[in-house]
């Protein structure tokens, strides 16, 4: 899943505005729409990339969280998914370009039920790894009459 940054949206806005001007179209309404779109994207924040590896007995969820302290990460697991919330401390200062957000949330649905109480997580070198065992249902062979 690609992350669309506010800078990407601004670039797109400039291209659209230039195209509208070349066609002689008043872009006032379009600019208002673009401003609302930019605001919405900035409110949504950054969404970290997630990999979900399914193994025989468990899932391994890997999330890139560079610059995030483990005390600022909250992982909530249910039988069918997980919710990840994190906050990154942003330093004050004058920036030429600032794309990283202070906080974000990501919800991931898992294809089968998992053992919530046996889940484990660790954050090392900016990578969060969550291991969640699957609930393995017993398979019963049915006799054919």
Protein backbone atom coordinates (compact mmCIF):
# COMPACT_ATOMS: atom_id res chain seq x y z
CA UNK A 1 0.00 0.00 0.00
CA UNK A 2 1.51 3.31 -1.04
CA UNK A 3 1.44 6.31 1.25
CA UNK A 4 0.24 9.55 -0.33
CA UNK A 5 1.95 12.47 1.33
CA UNK A 6 0.76 16.09 1.46
CA UNK A 7 3.69 16.91 -0.84
CA UNK A 8 2.33 14.43 -3.41
CA UNK A 9 -1.06 16.13 -3.24
CA UNK A 10 0.45 19.60 -3.65
CA UNK A 11 2.38 18.40 -6.72
CA UNK A 12 -0.83 16.96 -8.14
CA UNK A 13 -2.71 20.21 -7.38
CA UNK A 14 -0.14 22.26 -9.26
CA UNK A 15 -0.36 19.97 -12.27
CA UNK A 16 -4.17 20.14 -12.32
CA UNK A 17 -4.18 23.93 -11.90
CA UNK A 18 -1.71 24.34 -14.77
CA UNK A 19 -3.84 22.08 -16.97
CA UNK A 20 -7.04 23.99 -16.12
CA UNK A 21 -5.35 27.33 -16.86
CA UNK A 22 -4.13 26.04 -20.22
CA UNK A 23 -7.72 25.03 -21.06
CA UNK A 24 -9.04 28.42 -19.93
CA UNK A 25 -11.14 26.95 -17.11
CA UNK A 26 -11.69 28.90 -13.88
CA UNK A 27 -10.14 26.73 -11.22
CA UNK A 28 -11.61 28.44 -8.13
CA UNK A 29 -13.93 25.55 -7.25
CA UNK A 30 -11.23 23.03 -8.01
CA UNK A 31 -8.84 24.85 -5.67
CA UNK A 32 -11.40 24.68 -2.84
CA UNK A 33 -11.81 20.95 -3.42
CA UNK A 34 -8.05 20.46 -3.43
CA UNK A 35 -7.66 22.42 -0.18
CA UNK A 36 -10.26 20.20 1.47
CA UNK A 37 -8.54 17.09 0.11
CA UNK A 38 -5.16 18.24 1.42
CA UNK A 39 -6.66 18.94 4.85
CA UNK A 40 -8.26 15.51 4.96
CA UNK A 41 -5.01 13.77 4.01
CA UNK A 42 -3.09 15.72 6.65
CA UNK A 43 -5.69 14.81 9.30
CA UNK A 44 -5.44 11.14 8.37
CA UNK A 45 -1.74 11.18 9.05
CA UNK A 46 0.85 8.72 7.97
CA UNK A 47 0.08 5.03 7.56
CA UNK A 48 3.05 2.74 8.17
CA UNK A 49 3.73 -0.14 5.78
CA UNK A 50 2.71 -3.55 7.14
CA UNK A 51 3.71 -7.07 6.08
CA UNK A 52 1.68 -10.05 7.28
CA UNK A 53 3.38 -13.41 6.89
CA UNK A 54 1.21 -16.47 7.40
CA UNK A 55 3.06 -19.50 8.69
CA UNK A 56 1.71 -22.93 9.63
CA UNK A 57 0.87 -22.07 13.24
CA UNK A 58 0.96 -18.28 13.43
CA UNK A 59 1.08 -14.89 11.76
CA UNK A 60 4.08 -12.59 11.84
CA UNK A 61 3.11 -8.95 11.41
CA UNK A 62 5.99 -6.60 10.64
CA UNK A 63 5.54 -2.83 10.81
CA UNK A 64 8.13 -0.15 10.00
CA UNK A 65 8.12 2.43 12.81
CA UNK A 66 11.32 4.47 12.45
CA UNK A 67 11.82 7.03 15.18
CA UNK A 68 9.05 5.64 17.41
CA UNK A 69 9.77 4.70 21.04
CA UNK A 70 8.21 1.44 22.28
CA UNK A 71 6.41 3.37 25.04
CA UNK A 72 4.57 5.32 22.34
CA UNK A 73 3.19 2.20 20.61
CA UNK A 74 -0.12 0.56 21.50
CA UNK A 75 -1.12 -2.78 19.97
CA UNK A 76 -4.60 -4.15 20.61
CA UNK A 77 -5.38 -7.65 19.37
CA UNK A 78 -8.77 -9.30 18.94
CA UNK A 79 -9.60 -12.77 17.66
CA UNK A 80 -9.76 -11.56 14.05
CA UNK A 81 -7.37 -8.63 13.82
CA UNK A 82 -5.27 -5.97 15.43
CA UNK A 83 -5.17 -2.22 15.91
CA UNK A 84 -1.87 -0.39 15.98
CA UNK A 85 -1.57 3.13 17.36
CA UNK A 86 1.71 4.98 17.59
CA UNK A 87 2.96 8.45 18.29
CA UNK A 88 6.26 9.88 17.13
CA UNK A 89 7.78 12.82 19.01
CA UNK A 90 8.28 15.63 16.53
CA UNK A 91 11.00 18.16 17.19
CA UNK A 92 10.14 21.83 16.99
CA UNK A 93 11.96 23.86 14.41
CA UNK A 94 11.83 25.51 11.04
CA UNK A 95 11.43 22.93 8.28
CA UNK A 96 11.78 23.31 4.54
CA UNK A 97 9.75 20.09 4.10
CA UNK A 98 8.01 18.08 6.81
CA UNK A 99 6.19 14.88 5.84
CA UNK A 100 6.40 12.71 8.94
CA UNK A 101 3.36 12.89 11.19
CA UNK A 102 3.12 12.82 14.94
CA UNK A 103 0.64 9.96 15.25
CA UNK A 104 -1.16 7.33 13.24
CA UNK A 105 -3.44 4.34 13.54
CA UNK A 106 -3.67 1.18 11.46
CA UNK A 107 -6.26 -1.61 11.64
CA UNK A 108 -5.43 -5.00 10.14
CA UNK A 109 -7.93 -7.85 9.72
CA UNK A 110 -6.59 -11.39 9.91
CA UNK A 111 -8.14 -14.20 7.82
CA UNK A 112 -8.53 -16.66 10.72
CA UNK A 113 -9.01 -16.43 14.47
CA UNK A 114 -5.90 -16.08 16.63
CA UNK A 115 -4.88 -16.74 20.23
CA UNK A 116 -4.97 -13.25 21.69
CA UNK A 117 -3.44 -14.21 25.05
CA UNK A 118 -0.35 -15.75 23.39
CA UNK A 119 0.55 -12.80 21.14
CA UNK A 120 4.02 -11.30 21.51
CA UNK A 121 5.53 -8.08 20.20
CA UNK A 122 8.99 -6.54 20.08
CA UNK A 123 10.34 -3.30 18.66
CA UNK A 124 13.94 -3.33 17.48
CA UNK A 125 15.77 -0.91 15.18
CA UNK A 126 12.54 0.81 14.15
CA UNK A 127 10.77 -2.42 13.17
CA UNK A 128 7.84 -3.77 15.20
CA UNK A 129 7.34 -7.53 14.96
CA UNK A 130 4.15 -9.09 16.30
CA UNK A 131 3.75 -12.88 16.43
CA UNK A 132 0.20 -14.13 16.88
CA UNK A 133 -0.54 -17.89 17.06
CA UNK A 134 -3.51 -19.16 15.07
CA UNK A 135 -6.40 -21.05 16.59
CA UNK A 136 -6.08 -24.37 14.82
CA UNK A 137 -9.48 -25.96 14.52
CA UNK A 138 -9.66 -29.71 14.69
CA UNK A 139 -10.50 -31.38 11.42
CA UNK A 140 -12.88 -34.28 11.58
CA UNK A 141 -13.11 -36.79 8.82
CA UNK A 142 -16.69 -37.66 8.03
CA UNK A 143 -17.60 -41.19 7.03
CA UNK A 144 -19.40 -41.49 3.73
CA UNK A 145 -22.46 -43.72 3.77
